[in-house]
Amino acid sequence: MSDTTAAKPVVTITYCIGCNWLLRAGWMAQELLQTFKDDLGGVTLVPGEIGGVFEITLDDALLWERKRDGGFPDAKELKQRVRDIIEPTRDLGHLDRADAP
């Protein structure tokens, strides 16, 4: 692993194995990797214990917690939260428009 990759932030998605949320976690990982290509050091999927856990962290910052935040994030909200930490001035194009889904 190169030094430049090690310095990049890493997203971790912990999902409930009993709730079968692997596909949802994988889809969110794909969305983040597609949008932030070279700006992330990776996205890690972590199978969590039964109990409805679904947490997304960026390094040590908790971006989303299903119980705290009332469900699951949509792609727009998640990408904006990641952007706000790693590069706040970055334009996400159509996602930053008020009428974007």
PDB file of N, CA and C in Angstrom:
ATOM      1  N   MET A   1       0.853  -1.176   0.000  1.00  0.00           N
ATOM      2  CA  MET A   1       0.000   0.000   0.000  1.00  0.00           C
ATOM      3  C   MET A   1       0.893   1.231   0.000  1.00  0.00           C
ATOM      4  N   SER A   2       0.597   2.180  -0.845  1.00  0.00           N
ATOM      5  CA  SER A   2       1.412   3.383  -0.925  1.00  0.00           C
ATOM      6  C   SER A   2       1.077   4.328   0.218  1.00  0.00           C
ATOM      7  N   ASP A   3       2.000   5.261   0.488  1.00  0.00           N
ATOM      8  CA  ASP A   3       1.789   6.225   1.559  1.00  0.00           C
ATOM      9  C   ASP A   3       0.605   7.128   1.273  1.00  0.00           C
ATOM     10  N   THR A   4       0.344   7.455  -0.010  1.00  0.00           N
ATOM     11  CA  THR A   4      -0.766   8.342  -0.333  1.00  0.00           C
ATOM     12  C   THR A   4      -2.104   7.663  -0.069  1.00  0.00           C
ATOM     13  N   THR A   5      -2.200   6.349  -0.275  1.00  0.00           N
ATOM     14  CA  THR A   5      -3.431   5.625   0.005  1.00  0.00           C
ATOM     15  C   THR A   5      -3.671   5.547   1.499  1.00  0.00           C
ATOM     16  N   ALA A   6      -2.612   5.334   2.283  1.00  0.00           N
ATOM     17  CA  ALA A   6      -2.753   5.198   3.728  1.00  0.00           C
ATOM     18  C   ALA A   6      -3.274   6.478   4.356  1.00  0.00           C
ATOM     19  N   ALA A   7      -2.973   7.619   3.778  1.00  0.00           N
ATOM     20  CA  ALA A   7      -3.391   8.895   4.343  1.00  0.00           C
ATOM     21  C   ALA A   7      -4.842   9.237   4.013  1.00  0.00           C
ATOM     22  N   LYS A   8      -5.439   8.537   3.082  1.00  0.00           N
ATOM     23  CA  LYS A   8      -6.807   8.839   2.672  1.00  0.00           C
ATOM     24  C   LYS A   8      -7.800   8.274   3.681  1.00  0.00           C
ATOM     25  N   PRO A   9      -8.932   8.963   3.869  1.00  0.00           N
ATOM     26  CA  PRO A   9      -9.928   8.485   4.823  1.00  0.00           C
ATOM     27  C   PRO A   9     -10.581   7.186   4.355  1.00  0.00           C
ATOM     28  N   VAL A  10     -11.019   6.411   5.326  1.00  0.00           N
ATOM     29  CA  VAL A  10     -11.661   5.128   5.054  1.00  0.00           C
ATOM     30  C   VAL A  10     -13.061   5.139   5.653  1.00  0.00           C
ATOM     31  N   VAL A  11     -14.017   4.711   4.856  1.00  0.00           N
ATOM     32  CA  VAL A  11     -15.396   4.573   5.312  1.00  0.00           C
ATOM     33  C   VAL A  11     -15.600   3.131   5.769  1.00  0.00           C
ATOM     34  N   THR A  12     -16.287   2.967   6.897  1.00  0.00           N
ATOM     35  CA  THR A  12     -16.636   1.642   7.395  1.00  0.00           C
ATOM     36  C   THR A  12     -18.149   1.580   7.530  1.00  0.00           C
ATOM     37  N   ILE A  13     -18.736   0.555   6.936  1.00  0.00           N
ATOM     38  CA  ILE A  13     -20.178   0.341   7.041  1.00  0.00           C
ATOM     39  C   ILE A  13     -20.385  -0.959   7.809  1.00  0.00           C
ATOM     40  N   THR A  14     -20.967  -0.830   9.001  1.00  0.00           N
ATOM     41  CA  THR A  14     -21.274  -1.993   9.829  1.00  0.00           C
ATOM     42  C   THR A  14     -22.767  -2.272   9.696  1.00  0.00           C
ATOM     43  N   TYR A  15     -23.107  -3.497   9.322  1.00  0.00           N
ATOM     44  CA  TYR A  15     -24.498  -3.847   9.030  1.00  0.00           C
ATOM     45  C   TYR A  15     -24.909  -5.093   9.801  1.00  0.00           C
ATOM     46  N   CYS A  16     -26.190  -5.194  10.091  1.00  0.00           N
ATOM     47  CA  CYS A  16     -26.754  -6.319  10.828  1.00  0.00           C
ATOM     48  C   CYS A  16     -26.844  -7.549   9.916  1.00  0.00           C
ATOM     49  N   ILE A  17     -26.205  -8.618  10.338  1.00  0.00           N
ATOM     50  CA  ILE A  17     -26.265  -9.842   9.525  1.00  0.00           C
ATOM     51  C   ILE A  17     -27.627 -10.520   9.641  1.00  0.00           C
ATOM     52  N   GLY A  18     -28.270 -10.371  10.773  1.00  0.00           N
ATOM     53  CA  GLY A  18     -29.589 -10.979  10.962  1.00  0.00           C
ATOM     54  C   GLY A  18     -30.675 -10.304  10.145  1.00  0.00           C
ATOM     55  N   CYS A  19     -30.458  -9.051   9.809  1.00  0.00           N
ATOM     56  CA  CYS A  19     -31.443  -8.277   9.037  1.00  0.00           C
ATOM     57  C   CYS A  19     -31.197  -8.371   7.531  1.00  0.00           C
ATOM     58  N   ASN A  20     -30.127  -9.060   7.143  1.00  0.00           N
ATOM     59  CA  ASN A  20     -29.768  -9.220   5.729  1.00  0.00           C
ATOM     60  C   ASN A  20     -29.530  -7.881   5.024  1.00  0.00           C
ATOM     61  N   TRP A  21     -28.775  -6.987   5.666  1.00  0.00           N
ATOM     62  CA  TRP A  21     -28.512  -5.675   5.099  1.00  0.00           C
ATOM     63  C   TRP A  21     -27.197  -5.600   4.335  1.00  0.00           C
ATOM     64  N   LEU A  22     -26.619  -6.752   3.984  1.00  0.00           N
ATOM     65  CA  LEU A  22     -25.383  -6.765   3.210  1.00  0.00           C
ATOM     66  C   LEU A  22     -25.546  -6.075   1.858  1.00  0.00           C
ATOM     67  N   LEU A  23     -26.626  -6.353   1.144  1.00  0.00           N
ATOM     68  CA  LEU A  23     -26.817  -5.739  -0.176  1.00  0.00           C
ATOM     69  C   LEU A  23     -26.940  -4.220  -0.074  1.00  0.00           C
ATOM     70  N   ARG A  24     -27.642  -3.737   0.955  1.00  0.00           N
ATOM     71  CA  ARG A  24     -27.778  -2.293   1.167  1.00  0.00           C
ATOM     72  C   ARG A  24     -26.410  -1.681   1.465  1.00  0.00           C
ATOM     73  N   ALA A  25     -25.641  -2.334   2.321  1.00  0.00           N
ATOM     74  CA  ALA A  25     -24.309  -1.840   2.660  1.00  0.00           C
ATOM     75  C   ALA A  25     -23.404  -1.842   1.424  1.00  0.00           C
ATOM     76  N   GLY A  26     -23.488  -2.897   0.627  1.00  0.00           N
ATOM     77  CA  GLY A  26     -22.690  -2.980  -0.590  1.00  0.00           C
ATOM     78  C   GLY A  26     -23.055  -1.915  -1.601  1.00  0.00           C
ATOM     79  N   TRP A  27     -24.335  -1.635  -1.733  1.00  0.00           N
ATOM     80  CA  TRP A  27     -24.785  -0.588  -2.652  1.00  0.00           C
ATOM     81  C   TRP A  27     -24.254   0.768  -2.206  1.00  0.00           C
ATOM     82  N   MET A  28     -24.319   1.041  -0.895  1.00  0.00           N
ATOM     83  CA  MET A  28     -23.819   2.329  -0.406  1.00  0.00           C
ATOM     84  C   MET A  28     -22.306   2.437  -0.605  1.00  0.00           C
ATOM     85  N   ALA A  29     -21.600   1.340  -0.409  1.00  0.00           N
ATOM     86  CA  ALA A  29     -20.164   1.336  -0.651  1.00  0.00           C
ATOM     87  C   ALA A  29     -19.873   1.650  -2.120  1.00  0.00           C
ATOM     88  N   GLN A  30     -20.623   1.033  -3.018  1.00  0.00           N
ATOM     89  CA  GLN A  30     -20.448   1.270  -4.448  1.00  0.00           C
ATOM     90  C   GLN A  30     -20.694   2.740  -4.795  1.00  0.00           C
ATOM     91  N   GLU A  31     -21.752   3.320  -4.247  1.00  0.00           N
ATOM     92  CA  GLU A  31     -22.071   4.731  -4.500  1.00  0.00           C
ATOM     93  C   GLU A  31     -20.928   5.635  -4.048  1.00  0.00           C
ATOM     94  N   LEU A  32     -20.383   5.369  -2.867  1.00  0.00           N
ATOM     95  CA  LEU A  32     -19.291   6.204  -2.350  1.00  0.00           C
ATOM     96  C   LEU A  32     -18.025   6.046  -3.183  1.00  0.00           C
ATOM     97  N   LEU A  33     -17.704   4.813  -3.549  1.00  0.00           N
ATOM     98  CA  LEU A  33     -16.496   4.579  -4.350  1.00  0.00           C
ATOM     99  C   LEU A  33     -16.614   5.191  -5.739  1.00  0.00           C
ATOM    100  N   GLN A  34     -17.798   5.161  -6.303  1.00  0.00           N
ATOM    101  CA  GLN A  34     -18.000   5.755  -7.627  1.00  0.00           C
ATOM    102  C   GLN A  34     -17.843   7.271  -7.574  1.00  0.00           C
ATOM    103  N   THR A  35     -18.384   7.900  -6.544  1.00  0.00           N
ATOM    104  CA  THR A  35     -18.355   9.359  -6.436  1.00  0.00           C
ATOM    105  C   THR A  35     -16.992   9.882  -6.003  1.00  0.00           C
ATOM    106  N   PHE A  36     -16.367   9.209  -5.044  1.00  0.00           N
ATOM    107  CA  PHE A  36     -15.132   9.732  -4.444  1.00  0.00           C
ATOM    108  C   PHE A  36     -13.884   8.976  -4.887  1.00  0.00           C
ATOM    109  N   LYS A  37     -13.956   8.292  -5.993  1.00  0.00           N
ATOM    110  CA  LYS A  37     -12.898   7.484  -6.608  1.00  0.00           C
ATOM    111  C   LYS A  37     -11.533   7.542  -5.905  1.00  0.00           C
ATOM    112  N   ASP A  38     -10.792   8.614  -6.136  1.00  0.00           N
ATOM    113  CA  ASP A  38      -9.421   8.719  -5.637  1.00  0.00           C
ATOM    114  C   ASP A  38      -9.311   9.406  -4.285  1.00  0.00           C
ATOM    115  N   ASP A  39     -10.426   9.820  -3.710  1.00  0.00           N
ATOM    116  CA  ASP A  39     -10.389  10.579  -2.466  1.00  0.00           C
ATOM    117  C   ASP A  39     -10.561   9.719  -1.218  1.00  0.00           C
ATOM    118  N   LEU A  40     -10.930   8.458  -1.404  1.00  0.00           N
ATOM    119  CA  LEU A  40     -11.087   7.548  -0.279  1.00  0.00           C
ATOM    120  C   LEU A  40     -10.008   6.479  -0.318  1.00  0.00           C
ATOM    121  N   GLY A  41      -9.584   6.063   0.863  1.00  0.00           N
ATOM    122  CA  GLY A  41      -8.630   4.965   0.965  1.00  0.00           C
ATOM    123  C   GLY A  41      -9.322   3.617   0.862  1.00  0.00           C
ATOM    124  N   GLY A  42     -10.645   3.636   0.913  1.00  0.00           N
ATOM    125  CA  GLY A  42     -11.412   2.404   0.782  1.00  0.00           C
ATOM    126  C   GLY A  42     -12.719   2.485   1.531  1.00  0.00           C
ATOM    127  N   VAL A  43     -13.549   1.479   1.299  1.00  0.00           N
ATOM    128  CA  VAL A  43     -14.792   1.302   2.037  1.00  0.00           C
ATOM    129  C   VAL A  43     -14.787  -0.132   2.538  1.00  0.00           C
ATOM    130  N   THR A  44     -14.952  -0.280   3.845  1.00  0.00           N
ATOM    131  CA  THR A  44     -14.921  -1.589   4.474  1.00  0.00           C
ATOM    132  C   THR A  44     -16.312  -1.966   4.946  1.00  0.00           C
ATOM    133  N   LEU A  45     -16.734  -3.177   4.611  1.00  0.00           N
ATOM    134  CA  LEU A  45     -18.015  -3.702   5.091  1.00  0.00           C
ATOM    135  C   LEU A  45     -17.740  -4.628   6.266  1.00  0.00           C
ATOM    136  N   VAL A  46     -18.447  -4.389   7.380  1.00  0.00           N
ATOM    137  CA  VAL A  46     -18.227  -5.164   8.586  1.00  0.00           C
ATOM    138  C   VAL A  46     -19.547  -5.800   9.023  1.00  0.00           C
ATOM    139  N   PRO A  47     -19.624  -7.143   9.022  1.00  0.00           N
ATOM    140  CA  PRO A  47     -20.836  -7.787   9.492  1.00  0.00           C
ATOM    141  C   PRO A  47     -20.990  -7.539  10.991  1.00  0.00           C
ATOM    142  N   GLY A  48     -22.156  -7.013  11.383  1.00  0.00           N
ATOM    143  CA  GLY A  48     -22.410  -6.713  12.780  1.00  0.00           C
ATOM    144  C   GLY A  48     -23.305  -7.754  13.417  1.00  0.00           C
ATOM    145  N   GLU A  49     -23.407  -7.658  14.703  1.00  0.00           N
ATOM    146  CA  GLU A  49     -24.256  -8.574  15.453  1.00  0.00           C
ATOM    147  C   GLU A  49     -25.726  -8.318  15.134  1.00  0.00           C
ATOM    148  N   ILE A  50     -26.535  -9.266  15.469  1.00  0.00           N
ATOM    149  CA  ILE A  50     -27.980  -9.127  15.312  1.00  0.00           C
ATOM    150  C   ILE A  50     -28.453  -8.003  16.231  1.00  0.00           C
ATOM    151  N   GLY A  51     -29.448  -7.263  15.802  1.00  0.00           N
ATOM    152  CA  GLY A  51     -29.966  -6.180  16.629  1.00  0.00           C
ATOM    153  C   GLY A  51     -30.229  -4.924  15.841  1.00  0.00           C
ATOM    154  N   GLY A  52     -30.134  -5.001  14.530  1.00  0.00           N
ATOM    155  CA  GLY A  52     -30.483  -3.866  13.699  1.00  0.00           C
ATOM    156  C   GLY A  52     -29.409  -2.817  13.535  1.00  0.00           C
ATOM    157  N   VAL A  53     -28.152  -3.184  13.775  1.00  0.00           N
ATOM    158  CA  VAL A  53     -27.077  -2.205  13.632  1.00  0.00           C
ATOM    159  C   VAL A  53     -26.868  -1.844  12.162  1.00  0.00           C
ATOM    160  N   PHE A  54     -26.739  -0.562  11.909  1.00  0.00           N
ATOM    161  CA  PHE A  54     -26.339  -0.066  10.597  1.00  0.00           C
ATOM    162  C   PHE A  54     -25.669   1.273  10.838  1.00  0.00           C
ATOM    163  N   GLU A  55     -24.344   1.255  10.849  1.00  0.00           N
ATOM    164  CA  GLU A  55     -23.557   2.442  11.142  1.00  0.00           C
ATOM    165  C   GLU A  55     -22.559   2.695  10.031  1.00  0.00           C
ATOM    166  N   ILE A  56     -22.374   3.967   9.725  1.00  0.00           N
ATOM    167  CA  ILE A  56     -21.388   4.367   8.726  1.00  0.00           C
ATOM    168  C   ILE A  56     -20.454   5.365   9.379  1.00  0.00           C
ATOM    169  N   THR A  57     -19.166   5.042   9.361  1.00  0.00           N
ATOM    170  CA  THR A  57     -18.165   5.935   9.922  1.00  0.00           C
ATOM    171  C   THR A  57     -17.152   6.317   8.851  1.00  0.00           C
ATOM    172  N   LEU A  58     -16.583   7.488   9.013  1.00  0.00           N
ATOM    173  CA  LEU A  58     -15.483   7.957   8.171  1.00  0.00           C
ATOM    174  C   LEU A  58     -14.326   8.177   9.118  1.00  0.00           C
ATOM    175  N   ASP A  59     -13.344   7.288   9.059  1.00  0.00           N
ATOM    176  CA  ASP A  59     -12.302   7.207  10.075  1.00  0.00           C
ATOM    177  C   ASP A  59     -13.000   7.104  11.433  1.00  0.00           C
ATOM    178  N   ASP A  60     -12.845   8.064  12.323  1.00  0.00           N
ATOM    179  CA  ASP A  60     -13.471   7.961  13.644  1.00  0.00           C
ATOM    180  C   ASP A  60     -14.784   8.726  13.766  1.00  0.00           C
ATOM    181  N   ALA A  61     -15.217   9.395  12.709  1.00  0.00           N
ATOM    182  CA  ALA A  61     -16.441  10.204  12.761  1.00  0.00           C
ATOM    183  C   ALA A  61     -17.659   9.360  12.389  1.00  0.00           C
ATOM    184  N   LEU A  62     -18.657   9.338  13.263  1.00  0.00           N
ATOM    185  CA  LEU A  62     -19.897   8.618  12.984  1.00  0.00           C
ATOM    186  C   LEU A  62     -20.755   9.476  12.056  1.00  0.00           C
ATOM    187  N   LEU A  63     -20.916   9.015  10.814  1.00  0.00           N
ATOM    188  CA  LEU A  63     -21.709   9.751   9.830  1.00  0.00           C
ATOM    189  C   LEU A  63     -23.188   9.423   9.920  1.00  0.00           C
ATOM    190  N   TRP A  64     -23.486   8.161  10.175  1.00  0.00           N
ATOM    191  CA  TRP A  64     -24.883   7.726  10.164  1.00  0.00           C
ATOM    192  C   TRP A  64     -25.048   6.544  11.106  1.00  0.00           C
ATOM    193  N   GLU A  65     -26.126   6.575  11.869  1.00  0.00           N
ATOM    194  CA  GLU A  65     -26.485   5.456  12.724  1.00  0.00           C
ATOM    195  C   GLU A  65     -27.986   5.267  12.579  1.00  0.00           C
ATOM    196  N   ARG A  66     -28.388   4.116  12.112  1.00  0.00           N
ATOM    197  CA  ARG A  66     -29.776   3.872  11.738  1.00  0.00           C
ATOM    198  C   ARG A  66     -30.775   4.233  12.835  1.00  0.00           C
ATOM    199  N   LYS A  67     -30.520   3.830  14.043  1.00  0.00           N
ATOM    200  CA  LYS A  67     -31.464   4.105  15.136  1.00  0.00           C
ATOM    201  C   LYS A  67     -31.460   5.591  15.495  1.00  0.00           C
ATOM    202  N   ARG A  68     -30.301   6.186  15.578  1.00  0.00           N
ATOM    203  CA  ARG A  68     -30.187   7.605  15.922  1.00  0.00           C
ATOM    204  C   ARG A  68     -30.787   8.503  14.849  1.00  0.00           C
ATOM    205  N   ASP A  69     -30.507   8.160  13.580  1.00  0.00           N
ATOM    206  CA  ASP A  69     -30.877   9.033  12.465  1.00  0.00           C
ATOM    207  C   ASP A  69     -32.208   8.664  11.809  1.00  0.00           C
ATOM    208  N   GLY A  70     -32.891   7.669  12.332  1.00  0.00           N
ATOM    209  CA  GLY A  70     -34.231   7.349  11.848  1.00  0.00           C
ATOM    210  C   GLY A  70     -34.276   6.621  10.528  1.00  0.00           C
ATOM    211  N   GLY A  71     -33.539   5.537  10.399  1.00  0.00           N
ATOM    212  CA  GLY A  71     -33.585   4.747   9.177  1.00  0.00           C
ATOM    213  C   GLY A  71     -32.261   4.752   8.450  1.00  0.00           C
ATOM    214  N   PHE A  72     -32.338   4.628   7.154  1.00  0.00           N
ATOM    215  CA  PHE A  72     -31.144   4.549   6.314  1.00  0.00           C
ATOM    216  C   PHE A  72     -30.956   5.845   5.539  1.00  0.00           C
ATOM    217  N   PRO A  73     -29.710   6.202   5.277  1.00  0.00           N
ATOM    218  CA  PRO A  73     -29.491   7.404   4.468  1.00  0.00           C
ATOM    219  C   PRO A  73     -29.775   7.107   3.006  1.00  0.00           C
ATOM    220  N   ASP A  74     -30.210   8.125   2.275  1.00  0.00           N
ATOM    221  CA  ASP A  74     -30.235   7.950   0.831  1.00  0.00           C
ATOM    222  C   ASP A  74     -28.840   8.314   0.320  1.00  0.00           C
ATOM    223  N   ALA A  75     -28.564   7.991  -0.914  1.00  0.00           N
ATOM    224  CA  ALA A  75     -27.225   8.209  -1.471  1.00  0.00           C
ATOM    225  C   ALA A  75     -26.826   9.679  -1.401  1.00  0.00           C
ATOM    226  N   LYS A  76     -27.763  10.566  -1.682  1.00  0.00           N
ATOM    227  CA  LYS A  76     -27.472  12.001  -1.668  1.00  0.00           C
ATOM    228  C   LYS A  76     -26.995  12.454  -0.296  1.00  0.00           C
ATOM    229  N   GLU A  77     -27.742  12.116   0.740  1.00  0.00           N
ATOM    230  CA  GLU A  77     -27.389  12.525   2.108  1.00  0.00           C
ATOM    231  C   GLU A  77     -26.035  11.964   2.517  1.00  0.00           C
ATOM    232  N   LEU A  78     -25.801  10.698   2.218  1.00  0.00           N
ATOM    233  CA  LEU A  78     -24.538  10.062   2.591  1.00  0.00           C
ATOM    234  C   LEU A  78     -23.356  10.716   1.883  1.00  0.00           C
ATOM    235  N   LYS A  79     -23.492  10.945   0.595  1.00  0.00           N
ATOM    236  CA  LYS A  79     -22.406  11.575  -0.158  1.00  0.00           C
ATOM    237  C   LYS A  79     -22.132  12.989   0.338  1.00  0.00           C
ATOM    238  N   GLN A  80     -23.168  13.718   0.680  1.00  0.00           N
ATOM    239  CA  GLN A  80     -22.967  15.071   1.198  1.00  0.00           C
ATOM    240  C   GLN A  80     -22.250  15.042   2.544  1.00  0.00           C
ATOM    241  N   ARG A  81     -22.586  14.090   3.398  1.00  0.00           N
ATOM    242  CA  ARG A  81     -21.911  13.994   4.700  1.00  0.00           C
ATOM    243  C   ARG A  81     -20.446  13.621   4.540  1.00  0.00           C
ATOM    244  N   VAL A  82     -20.147  12.721   3.617  1.00  0.00           N
ATOM    245  CA  VAL A  82     -18.749  12.363   3.360  1.00  0.00           C
ATOM    246  C   VAL A  82     -18.010  13.571   2.799  1.00  0.00           C
ATOM    247  N   ARG A  83     -18.587  14.209   1.810  1.00  0.00           N
ATOM    248  CA  ARG A  83     -17.973  15.392   1.201  1.00  0.00           C
ATOM    249  C   ARG A  83     -17.697  16.476   2.227  1.00  0.00           C
ATOM    250  N   ASP A  84     -18.659  16.722   3.121  1.00  0.00           N
ATOM    251  CA  ASP A  84     -18.521  17.788   4.110  1.00  0.00           C
ATOM    252  C   ASP A  84     -17.320  17.578   5.021  1.00  0.00           C
ATOM    253  N   ILE A  85     -16.875  16.341   5.162  1.00  0.00           N
ATOM    254  CA  ILE A  85     -15.701  16.054   5.990  1.00  0.00           C
ATOM    255  C   ILE A  85     -14.421  16.047   5.168  1.00  0.00           C
ATOM    256  N   ILE A  86     -14.429  15.366   4.017  1.00  0.00           N
ATOM    257  CA  ILE A  86     -13.162  15.205   3.292  1.00  0.00           C
ATOM    258  C   ILE A  86     -12.811  16.366   2.374  1.00  0.00           C
ATOM    259  N   GLU A  87     -13.821  17.077   1.872  1.00  0.00           N
ATOM    260  CA  GLU A  87     -13.562  18.192   0.961  1.00  0.00           C
ATOM    261  C   GLU A  87     -14.796  19.101   0.900  1.00  0.00           C
ATOM    262  N   PRO A  88     -15.001  19.932   1.927  1.00  0.00           N
ATOM    263  CA  PRO A  88     -16.246  20.716   2.049  1.00  0.00           C
ATOM    264  C   PRO A  88     -16.566  21.621   0.859  1.00  0.00           C
ATOM    265  N   THR A  89     -15.578  22.057   0.111  1.00  0.00           N
ATOM    266  CA  THR A  89     -15.849  22.953  -1.010  1.00  0.00           C
ATOM    267  C   THR A  89     -16.148  22.209  -2.307  1.00  0.00           C
ATOM    268  N   ARG A  90     -16.065  20.896  -2.274  1.00  0.00           N
ATOM    269  CA  ARG A  90     -16.302  20.095  -3.482  1.00  0.00           C
ATOM    270  C   ARG A  90     -17.750  20.204  -3.939  1.00  0.00           C
ATOM    271  N   ASP A  91     -17.940  20.375  -5.235  1.00  0.00           N
ATOM    272  CA  ASP A  91     -19.271  20.416  -5.835  1.00  0.00           C
ATOM    273  C   ASP A  91     -19.666  18.995  -6.232  1.00  0.00           C
ATOM    274  N   LEU A  92     -20.809  18.549  -5.744  1.00  0.00           N
ATOM    275  CA  LEU A  92     -21.305  17.224  -6.098  1.00  0.00           C
ATOM    276  C   LEU A  92     -22.261  17.267  -7.289  1.00  0.00           C
ATOM    277  N   GLY A  93     -22.193  18.353  -8.034  1.00  0.00           N
ATOM    278  CA  GLY A  93     -23.016  18.470  -9.229  1.00  0.00           C
ATOM    279  C   GLY A  93     -24.494  18.464  -8.921  1.00  0.00           C
ATOM    280  N   HIS A  94     -25.232  17.609  -9.615  1.00  0.00           N
ATOM    281  CA  HIS A  94     -26.688  17.596  -9.470  1.00  0.00           C
ATOM    282  C   HIS A  94     -27.145  17.262  -8.054  1.00  0.00           C
ATOM    283  N   LEU A  95     -26.317  16.572  -7.261  1.00  0.00           N
ATOM    284  CA  LEU A  95     -26.712  16.237  -5.890  1.00  0.00           C
ATOM    285  C   LEU A  95     -26.811  17.458  -4.993  1.00  0.00           C
ATOM    286  N   ASP A  96     -26.123  18.521  -5.352  1.00  0.00           N
ATOM    287  CA  ASP A  96     -26.153  19.732  -4.536  1.00  0.00           C
ATOM    288  C   ASP A  96     -27.314  20.659  -4.887  1.00  0.00           C
ATOM    289  N   ARG A  97     -28.040  20.358  -5.924  1.00  0.00           N
ATOM    290  CA  ARG A  97     -29.205  21.170  -6.263  1.00  0.00           C
ATOM    291  C   ARG A  97     -30.354  20.822  -5.333  1.00  0.00           C
ATOM    292  N   ALA A  98     -31.150  21.797  -4.986  1.00  0.00           N
ATOM    293  CA  ALA A  98     -32.255  21.609  -4.042  1.00  0.00           C
ATOM    294  C   ALA A  98     -33.279  20.584  -4.525  1.00  0.00           C
ATOM    295  N   ASP A  99     -33.474  20.489  -5.832  1.00  0.00           N
ATOM    296  CA  ASP A  99     -34.495  19.584  -6.360  1.00  0.00           C
ATOM    297  C   ASP A  99     -33.973  18.196  -6.689  1.00  0.00           C
ATOM    298  N   ALA A 100     -32.720  17.912  -6.325  1.00  0.00           N
ATOM    299  CA  ALA A 100     -32.143  16.594  -6.628  1.00  0.00           C
ATOM    300  C   ALA A 100     -32.750  15.522  -5.735  1.00  0.00           C
ATOM    301  N   PRO A 101     -32.948  14.318  -6.268  1.00  0.00           N
ATOM    302  CA  PRO A 101     -33.512  13.232  -5.458  1.00  0.00           C
ATOM    303  C   PRO A 101     -32.543  12.746  -4.417  1.00  0.00           C
TER     304      PRO A 101
END
